[in-house]
Amino acid sequence: MSFSIEINGKPFARGVSNESVTIPRLGEAMVAVQAVSDLSGLIQQMRGIEGAATSGLRYRLSGRFFSGDTPFPFDYSGSIKPPTTP
């Protein structure tokens, strides 16, 4: 598997895993991955932290996993809203 993570439209981290996993039919499985980020990605995220505290974070996780030599792409995105105070 290989993947990348964007936060608020900016690259944040990327990673890979070569762990072999058997997924049962219509099932799920956990895969351990390692991700790395560089200093510029971290600095970009820190610059936008004030806006994220009020509007939330948008994220995107994209990549591909392999079954044999066949790649299967995936692309998930969503948002995490800040907690509201009563």
PDB file of N, CA and C in Angstrom:
ATOM      1  N   MET A   1       0.843  -1.155   0.000  1.00  0.00           N
ATOM      2  CA  MET A   1       0.000   0.000   0.000  1.00  0.00           C
ATOM      3  C   MET A   1       0.897   1.230   0.000  1.00  0.00           C
ATOM      4  N   SER A   2       0.461   2.241  -0.707  1.00  0.00           N
ATOM      5  CA  SER A   2       1.101   3.546  -0.635  1.00  0.00           C
ATOM      6  C   SER A   2      -0.010   4.581  -0.510  1.00  0.00           C
ATOM      7  N   PHE A   3       0.249   5.671   0.205  1.00  0.00           N
ATOM      8  CA  PHE A   3      -0.793   6.658   0.442  1.00  0.00           C
ATOM      9  C   PHE A   3      -0.205   8.032   0.705  1.00  0.00           C
ATOM     10  N   SER A   4      -1.063   9.042   0.585  1.00  0.00           N
ATOM     11  CA  SER A   4      -0.688  10.401   0.958  1.00  0.00           C
ATOM     12  C   SER A   4      -1.863  11.030   1.692  1.00  0.00           C
ATOM     13  N   ILE A   5      -1.535  11.975   2.558  1.00  0.00           N
ATOM     14  CA  ILE A   5      -2.537  12.666   3.367  1.00  0.00           C
ATOM     15  C   ILE A   5      -2.409  14.160   3.104  1.00  0.00           C
ATOM     16  N   GLU A   6      -3.539  14.791   2.817  1.00  0.00           N
ATOM     17  CA  GLU A   6      -3.605  16.249   2.691  1.00  0.00           C
ATOM     18  C   GLU A   6      -4.484  16.776   3.819  1.00  0.00           C
ATOM     19  N   ILE A   7      -4.121  17.918   4.353  1.00  0.00           N
ATOM     20  CA  ILE A   7      -4.942  18.590   5.348  1.00  0.00           C
ATOM     21  C   ILE A   7      -5.180  20.005   4.856  1.00  0.00           C
ATOM     22  N   ASN A   8      -6.452  20.369   4.779  1.00  0.00           N
ATOM     23  CA  ASN A   8      -6.858  21.683   4.264  1.00  0.00           C
ATOM     24  C   ASN A   8      -6.226  21.987   2.913  1.00  0.00           C
ATOM     25  N   GLY A   9      -6.187  20.979   2.053  1.00  0.00           N
ATOM     26  CA  GLY A   9      -5.711  21.154   0.683  1.00  0.00           C
ATOM     27  C   GLY A   9      -4.203  21.197   0.510  1.00  0.00           C
ATOM     28  N   LYS A  10      -3.463  20.968   1.587  1.00  0.00           N
ATOM     29  CA  LYS A  10      -1.995  21.009   1.500  1.00  0.00           C
ATOM     30  C   LYS A  10      -1.413  19.650   1.873  1.00  0.00           C
ATOM     31  N   PRO A  11      -0.358  19.221   1.166  1.00  0.00           N
ATOM     32  CA  PRO A  11       0.271  17.939   1.513  1.00  0.00           C
ATOM     33  C   PRO A  11       0.753  17.944   2.951  1.00  0.00           C
ATOM     34  N   PHE A  12       0.528  16.823   3.640  1.00  0.00           N
ATOM     35  CA  PHE A  12       0.959  16.729   5.032  1.00  0.00           C
ATOM     36  C   PHE A  12       1.878  15.542   5.274  1.00  0.00           C
ATOM     37  N   ALA A  13       1.507  14.357   4.792  1.00  0.00           N
ATOM     38  CA  ALA A  13       2.324  13.167   5.041  1.00  0.00           C
ATOM     39  C   ALA A  13       2.110  12.161   3.920  1.00  0.00           C
ATOM     40  N   ARG A  14       3.051  11.226   3.841  1.00  0.00           N
ATOM     41  CA  ARG A  14       2.940  10.132   2.873  1.00  0.00           C
ATOM     42  C   ARG A  14       3.543   8.895   3.514  1.00  0.00           C
ATOM     43  N   GLY A  15       3.144   7.747   2.996  1.00  0.00           N
ATOM     44  CA  GLY A  15       3.664   6.538   3.602  1.00  0.00           C
ATOM     45  C   GLY A  15       3.428   5.304   2.757  1.00  0.00           C
ATOM     46  N   VAL A  16       3.977   4.204   3.247  1.00  0.00           N
ATOM     47  CA  VAL A  16       3.863   2.917   2.571  1.00  0.00           C
ATOM     48  C   VAL A  16       3.799   1.813   3.615  1.00  0.00           C
ATOM     49  N   SER A  17       3.336   0.660   3.166  1.00  0.00           N
ATOM     50  CA  SER A  17       3.385  -0.542   3.985  1.00  0.00           C
ATOM     51  C   SER A  17       3.545  -1.719   3.044  1.00  0.00           C
ATOM     52  N   ASN A  18       4.402  -2.644   3.419  1.00  0.00           N
ATOM     53  CA  ASN A  18       4.533  -3.865   2.627  1.00  0.00           C
ATOM     54  C   ASN A  18       3.992  -5.062   3.402  1.00  0.00           C
ATOM     55  N   GLU A  19       3.187  -4.789   4.439  1.00  0.00           N
ATOM     56  CA  GLU A  19       2.598  -5.836   5.252  1.00  0.00           C
ATOM     57  C   GLU A  19       1.559  -6.611   4.438  1.00  0.00           C
ATOM     58  N   SER A  20       1.640  -7.912   4.482  1.00  0.00           N
ATOM     59  CA  SER A  20       0.678  -8.765   3.805  1.00  0.00           C
ATOM     60  C   SER A  20      -0.514  -9.002   4.724  1.00  0.00           C
ATOM     61  N   VAL A  21      -1.725  -8.794   4.200  1.00  0.00           N
ATOM     62  CA  VAL A  21      -2.934  -8.926   4.998  1.00  0.00           C
ATOM     63  C   VAL A  21      -3.952  -9.735   4.214  1.00  0.00           C
ATOM     64  N   THR A  22      -4.624 -10.652   4.887  1.00  0.00           N
ATOM     65  CA  THR A  22      -5.723 -11.388   4.282  1.00  0.00           C
ATOM     66  C   THR A  22      -7.023 -10.782   4.793  1.00  0.00           C
ATOM     67  N   ILE A  23      -7.864 -10.336   3.871  1.00  0.00           N
ATOM     68  CA  ILE A  23      -9.141  -9.737   4.225  1.00  0.00           C
ATOM     69  C   ILE A  23     -10.243 -10.723   3.869  1.00  0.00           C
ATOM     70  N   PRO A  24     -11.044 -11.120   4.839  1.00  0.00           N
ATOM     71  CA  PRO A  24     -12.116 -12.061   4.541  1.00  0.00           C
ATOM     72  C   PRO A  24     -13.168 -11.414   3.638  1.00  0.00           C
ATOM     73  N   ARG A  25     -13.889 -12.239   2.914  1.00  0.00           N
ATOM     74  CA  ARG A  25     -14.933 -11.749   2.029  1.00  0.00           C
ATOM     75  C   ARG A  25     -15.889 -10.860   2.820  1.00  0.00           C
ATOM     76  N   LEU A  26     -16.148  -9.663   2.270  1.00  0.00           N
ATOM     77  CA  LEU A  26     -17.014  -8.661   2.896  1.00  0.00           C
ATOM     78  C   LEU A  26     -16.536  -8.263   4.288  1.00  0.00           C
ATOM     79  N   GLY A  27     -15.233  -8.412   4.525  1.00  0.00           N
ATOM     80  CA  GLY A  27     -14.692  -8.112   5.844  1.00  0.00           C
ATOM     81  C   GLY A  27     -13.796  -6.899   5.857  1.00  0.00           C
ATOM     82  N   GLU A  28     -13.135  -6.735   6.944  1.00  0.00           N
ATOM     83  CA  GLU A  28     -12.202  -5.631   7.156  1.00  0.00           C
ATOM     84  C   GLU A  28     -10.956  -6.166   7.823  1.00  0.00           C
ATOM     85  N   ALA A  29      -9.877  -5.410   7.735  1.00  0.00           N
ATOM     86  CA  ALA A  29      -8.633  -5.761   8.410  1.00  0.00           C
ATOM     87  C   ALA A  29      -7.855  -4.487   8.698  1.00  0.00           C
ATOM     88  N   MET A  30      -7.064  -4.522   9.744  1.00  0.00           N
ATOM     89  CA  MET A  30      -6.197  -3.397  10.092  1.00  0.00           C
ATOM     90  C   MET A  30      -4.821  -3.639   9.475  1.00  0.00           C
ATOM     91  N   VAL A  31      -4.220  -2.561   8.976  1.00  0.00           N
ATOM     92  CA  VAL A  31      -2.889  -2.631   8.387  1.00  0.00           C
ATOM     93  C   VAL A  31      -2.019  -1.581   9.071  1.00  0.00           C
ATOM     94  N   ALA A  32      -0.876  -1.985   9.570  1.00  0.00           N
ATOM     95  CA  ALA A  32       0.062  -1.040  10.171  1.00  0.00           C
ATOM     96  C   ALA A  32       0.819  -0.330   9.056  1.00  0.00           C
ATOM     97  N   VAL A  33       0.894   0.985   9.149  1.00  0.00           N
ATOM     98  CA  VAL A  33       1.606   1.785   8.147  1.00  0.00           C
ATOM     99  C   VAL A  33       2.547   2.747   8.854  1.00  0.00           C
ATOM    100  N   GLN A  34       3.511   3.226   8.115  1.00  0.00           N
ATOM    101  CA  GLN A  34       4.390   4.271   8.604  1.00  0.00           C
ATOM    102  C   GLN A  34       4.230   5.462   7.691  1.00  0.00           C
ATOM    103  N   ALA A  35       4.118   6.650   8.283  1.00  0.00           N
ATOM    104  CA  ALA A  35       3.960   7.872   7.511  1.00  0.00           C
ATOM    105  C   ALA A  35       5.078   8.843   7.885  1.00  0.00           C
ATOM    106  N   VAL A  36       5.482   9.638   6.923  1.00  0.00           N
ATOM    107  CA  VAL A  36       6.489  10.660   7.162  1.00  0.00           C
ATOM    108  C   VAL A  36       5.976  11.991   6.642  1.00  0.00           C
ATOM    109  N   SER A  37       6.429  13.045   7.264  1.00  0.00           N
ATOM    110  CA  SER A  37       6.112  14.396   6.827  1.00  0.00           C
ATOM    111  C   SER A  37       7.415  15.176   6.833  1.00  0.00           C
ATOM    112  N   ASP A  38       7.470  16.198   6.025  1.00  0.00           N
ATOM    113  CA  ASP A  38       8.681  17.012   6.050  1.00  0.00           C
ATOM    114  C   ASP A  38       8.409  18.319   6.788  1.00  0.00           C
ATOM    115  N   LEU A  39       9.429  19.036   7.083  1.00  0.00           N
ATOM    116  CA  LEU A  39       9.306  20.248   7.870  1.00  0.00           C
ATOM    117  C   LEU A  39       8.436  21.295   7.174  1.00  0.00           C
ATOM    118  N   SER A  40       8.547  21.411   5.856  1.00  0.00           N
ATOM    119  CA  SER A  40       7.740  22.419   5.156  1.00  0.00           C
ATOM    120  C   SER A  40       6.251  22.086   5.250  1.00  0.00           C
ATOM    121  N   GLY A  41       5.888  20.798   5.188  1.00  0.00           N
ATOM    122  CA  GLY A  41       4.487  20.412   5.347  1.00  0.00           C
ATOM    123  C   GLY A  41       3.969  20.746   6.731  1.00  0.00           C
ATOM    124  N   LEU A  42       4.786  20.510   7.729  1.00  0.00           N
ATOM    125  CA  LEU A  42       4.403  20.823   9.105  1.00  0.00           C
ATOM    126  C   LEU A  42       4.255  22.331   9.307  1.00  0.00           C
ATOM    127  N   ILE A  43       5.159  23.104   8.749  1.00  0.00           N
ATOM    128  CA  ILE A  43       5.092  24.565   8.882  1.00  0.00           C
ATOM    129  C   ILE A  43       3.844  25.103   8.194  1.00  0.00           C
ATOM    130  N   GLN A  44       3.519  24.581   7.010  1.00  0.00           N
ATOM    131  CA  GLN A  44       2.310  25.025   6.307  1.00  0.00           C
ATOM    132  C   GLN A  44       1.073  24.762   7.153  1.00  0.00           C
ATOM    133  N   GLN A  45       1.009  23.616   7.798  1.00  0.00           N
ATOM    134  CA  GLN A  45      -0.143  23.298   8.631  1.00  0.00           C
ATOM    135  C   GLN A  45      -0.209  24.201   9.863  1.00  0.00           C
ATOM    136  N   MET A  46       0.931  24.521  10.448  1.00  0.00           N
ATOM    137  CA  MET A  46       0.953  25.381  11.637  1.00  0.00           C
ATOM    138  C   MET A  46       0.465  26.789  11.289  1.00  0.00           C
ATOM    139  N   ARG A  47       0.764  27.247  10.075  1.00  0.00           N
ATOM    140  CA  ARG A  47       0.311  28.587   9.667  1.00  0.00           C
ATOM    141  C   ARG A  47      -1.209  28.665   9.607  1.00  0.00           C
ATOM    142  N   GLY A  48      -1.878  27.567   9.295  1.00  0.00           N
ATOM    143  CA  GLY A  48      -3.321  27.582   9.168  1.00  0.00           C
ATOM    144  C   GLY A  48      -4.067  27.084  10.382  1.00  0.00           C
ATOM    145  N   ILE A  49      -3.386  26.909  11.504  1.00  0.00           N
ATOM    146  CA  ILE A  49      -4.016  26.305  12.674  1.00  0.00           C
ATOM    147  C   ILE A  49      -5.120  27.188  13.273  1.00  0.00           C
ATOM    148  N   GLU A  50      -4.977  28.516  13.213  1.00  0.00           N
ATOM    149  CA  GLU A  50      -6.015  29.387  13.767  1.00  0.00           C
ATOM    150  C   GLU A  50      -7.329  29.214  13.013  1.00  0.00           C
ATOM    151  N   GLY A  51      -7.267  29.182  11.691  1.00  0.00           N
ATOM    152  CA  GLY A  51      -8.478  28.999  10.894  1.00  0.00           C
ATOM    153  C   GLY A  51      -9.107  27.643  11.132  1.00  0.00           C
ATOM    154  N   ALA A  52      -8.283  26.633  11.326  1.00  0.00           N
ATOM    155  CA  ALA A  52      -8.787  25.281  11.566  1.00  0.00           C
ATOM    156  C   ALA A  52      -9.503  25.195  12.906  1.00  0.00           C
ATOM    157  N   ALA A  53      -9.079  26.005  13.869  1.00  0.00           N
ATOM    158  CA  ALA A  53      -9.715  25.966  15.183  1.00  0.00           C
ATOM    159  C   ALA A  53     -11.158  26.452  15.120  1.00  0.00           C
ATOM    160  N   THR A  54     -11.468  27.312  14.162  1.00  0.00           N
ATOM    161  CA  THR A  54     -12.838  27.824  14.049  1.00  0.00           C
ATOM    162  C   THR A  54     -13.638  27.124  12.956  1.00  0.00           C
ATOM    163  N   SER A  55     -12.996  26.761  11.859  1.00  0.00           N
ATOM    164  CA  SER A  55     -13.746  26.180  10.733  1.00  0.00           C
ATOM    165  C   SER A  55     -13.587  24.669  10.618  1.00  0.00           C
ATOM    166  N   GLY A  56     -12.635  24.083  11.318  1.00  0.00           N
ATOM    167  CA  GLY A  56     -12.409  22.640  11.243  1.00  0.00           C
ATOM    168  C   GLY A  56     -11.302  22.281  10.267  1.00  0.00           C
ATOM    169  N   LEU A  57     -11.061  20.995  10.152  1.00  0.00           N
ATOM    170  CA  LEU A  57     -10.016  20.485   9.266  1.00  0.00           C
ATOM    171  C   LEU A  57     -10.647  19.685   8.136  1.00  0.00           C
ATOM    172  N   ARG A  58     -10.193  19.928   6.924  1.00  0.00           N
ATOM    173  CA  ARG A  58     -10.568  19.082   5.796  1.00  0.00           C
ATOM    174  C   ARG A  58      -9.407  18.138   5.549  1.00  0.00           C
ATOM    175  N   TYR A  59      -9.696  16.872   5.312  1.00  0.00           N
ATOM    176  CA  TYR A  59      -8.633  15.908   5.062  1.00  0.00           C
ATOM    177  C   TYR A  59      -8.926  15.108   3.795  1.00  0.00           C
ATOM    178  N   ARG A  60      -7.869  14.587   3.235  1.00  0.00           N
ATOM    179  CA  ARG A  60      -7.973  13.693   2.071  1.00  0.00           C
ATOM    180  C   ARG A  60      -6.904  12.615   2.222  1.00  0.00           C
ATOM    181  N   LEU A  61      -7.328  11.383   2.109  1.00  0.00           N
ATOM    182  CA  LEU A  61      -6.437  10.225   2.160  1.00  0.00           C
ATOM    183  C   LEU A  61      -6.568   9.521   0.819  1.00  0.00           C
ATOM    184  N   SER A  62      -5.486   9.461   0.071  1.00  0.00           N
ATOM    185  CA  SER A  62      -5.542   8.814  -1.238  1.00  0.00           C
ATOM    186  C   SER A  62      -4.318   7.925  -1.408  1.00  0.00           C
ATOM    187  N   GLY A  63      -4.449   6.958  -2.269  1.00  0.00           N
ATOM    188  CA  GLY A  63      -3.336   6.059  -2.528  1.00  0.00           C
ATOM    189  C   GLY A  63      -3.803   4.840  -3.294  1.00  0.00           C
ATOM    190  N   ARG A  64      -3.098   3.751  -3.077  1.00  0.00           N
ATOM    191  CA  ARG A  64      -3.463   2.501  -3.734  1.00  0.00           C
ATOM    192  C   ARG A  64      -2.949   1.324  -2.912  1.00  0.00           C
ATOM    193  N   PHE A  65      -3.702   0.233  -2.990  1.00  0.00           N
ATOM    194  CA  PHE A  65      -3.234  -1.003  -2.395  1.00  0.00           C
ATOM    195  C   PHE A  65      -3.143  -2.033  -3.507  1.00  0.00           C
ATOM    196  N   PHE A  66      -2.388  -3.056  -3.267  1.00  0.00           N
ATOM    197  CA  PHE A  66      -2.093  -4.028  -4.313  1.00  0.00           C
ATOM    198  C   PHE A  66      -2.595  -5.406  -3.937  1.00  0.00           C
ATOM    199  N   SER A  67      -3.164  -6.072  -4.916  1.00  0.00           N
ATOM    200  CA  SER A  67      -3.500  -7.484  -4.805  1.00  0.00           C
ATOM    201  C   SER A  67      -2.680  -8.165  -5.885  1.00  0.00           C
ATOM    202  N   GLY A  68      -1.597  -8.811  -5.467  1.00  0.00           N
ATOM    203  CA  GLY A  68      -0.645  -9.318  -6.457  1.00  0.00           C
ATOM    204  C   GLY A  68       0.022  -8.130  -7.119  1.00  0.00           C
ATOM    205  N   ASP A  69      -0.017  -8.092  -8.447  1.00  0.00           N
ATOM    206  CA  ASP A  69       0.557  -6.963  -9.182  1.00  0.00           C
ATOM    207  C   ASP A  69      -0.493  -5.932  -9.578  1.00  0.00           C
ATOM    208  N   THR A  70      -1.735  -6.137  -9.169  1.00  0.00           N
ATOM    209  CA  THR A  70      -2.824  -5.249  -9.575  1.00  0.00           C
ATOM    210  C   THR A  70      -3.047  -4.161  -8.525  1.00  0.00           C
ATOM    211  N   PRO A  71      -2.898  -2.879  -8.928  1.00  0.00           N
ATOM    212  CA  PRO A  71      -3.160  -1.794  -7.980  1.00  0.00           C
ATOM    213  C   PRO A  71      -4.645  -1.443  -7.940  1.00  0.00           C
ATOM    214  N   PHE A  72      -5.136  -1.111  -6.755  1.00  0.00           N
ATOM    215  CA  PHE A  72      -6.503  -0.652  -6.567  1.00  0.00           C
ATOM    216  C   PHE A  72      -6.445   0.719  -5.895  1.00  0.00           C
ATOM    217  N   PRO A  73      -6.858   1.770  -6.607  1.00  0.00           N
ATOM    218  CA  PRO A  73      -6.786   3.113  -6.014  1.00  0.00           C
ATOM    219  C   PRO A  73      -7.885   3.341  -4.983  1.00  0.00           C
ATOM    220  N   PHE A  74      -7.614   4.236  -4.044  1.00  0.00           N
ATOM    221  CA  PHE A  74      -8.631   4.684  -3.097  1.00  0.00           C
ATOM    222  C   PHE A  74      -8.459   6.170  -2.867  1.00  0.00           C
ATOM    223  N   ASP A  75      -9.539   6.828  -2.494  1.00  0.00           N
ATOM    224  CA  ASP A  75      -9.523   8.271  -2.285  1.00  0.00           C
ATOM    225  C   ASP A  75     -10.672   8.619  -1.334  1.00  0.00           C
ATOM    226  N   TYR A  76     -10.358   8.986  -0.115  1.00  0.00           N
ATOM    227  CA  TYR A  76     -11.355   9.337   0.887  1.00  0.00           C
ATOM    228  C   TYR A  76     -11.103  10.767   1.336  1.00  0.00           C
ATOM    229  N   SER A  77     -12.173  11.500   1.562  1.00  0.00           N
ATOM    230  CA  SER A  77     -12.015  12.852   2.076  1.00  0.00           C
ATOM    231  C   SER A  77     -13.174  13.157   3.017  1.00  0.00           C
ATOM    232  N   GLY A  78     -12.978  14.147   3.839  1.00  0.00           N
ATOM    233  CA  GLY A  78     -14.008  14.536   4.783  1.00  0.00           C
ATOM    234  C   GLY A  78     -13.541  15.722   5.599  1.00  0.00           C
ATOM    235  N   SER A  79     -14.227  15.971   6.663  1.00  0.00           N
ATOM    236  CA  SER A  79     -13.848  17.090   7.522  1.00  0.00           C
ATOM    237  C   SER A  79     -14.085  16.722   8.981  1.00  0.00           C
ATOM    238  N   ILE A  80     -13.336  17.385   9.810  1.00  0.00           N
ATOM    239  CA  ILE A  80     -13.470  17.237  11.255  1.00  0.00           C
ATOM    240  C   ILE A  80     -13.822  18.628  11.781  1.00  0.00           C
ATOM    241  N   LYS A  81     -15.007  18.744  12.316  1.00  0.00           N
ATOM    242  CA  LYS A  81     -15.485  20.022  12.809  1.00  0.00           C
ATOM    243  C   LYS A  81     -15.011  20.246  14.253  1.00  0.00           C
ATOM    244  N   PRO A  82     -14.746  21.500  14.604  1.00  0.00           N
ATOM    245  CA  PRO A  82     -14.357  21.762  15.989  1.00  0.00           C
ATOM    246  C   PRO A  82     -15.551  21.556  16.919  1.00  0.00           C
ATOM    247  N   PRO A  83     -15.301  21.215  18.171  1.00  0.00           N
ATOM    248  CA  PRO A  83     -16.413  21.037  19.101  1.00  0.00           C
ATOM    249  C   PRO A  83     -17.138  22.356  19.334  1.00  0.00           C
ATOM    250  N   THR A  84     -18.432  22.273  19.500  1.00  0.00           N
ATOM    251  CA  THR A  84     -19.213  23.472  19.789  1.00  0.00           C
ATOM    252  C   THR A  84     -19.375  23.609  21.297  1.00  0.00           C
ATOM    253  N   THR A  85     -19.394  24.834  21.742  1.00  0.00           N
ATOM    254  CA  THR A  85     -19.577  25.081  23.171  1.00  0.00           C
ATOM    255  C   THR A  85     -21.038  25.444  23.406  1.00  0.00           C
ATOM    256  N   PRO A  86     -21.614  24.925  24.464  1.00  0.00           N
ATOM    257  CA  PRO A  86     -23.043  25.203  24.741  1.00  0.00           C
ATOM    258  C   PRO A  86     -23.292  26.617  25.184  1.00  0.00           C
TER     259      PRO A  86
END
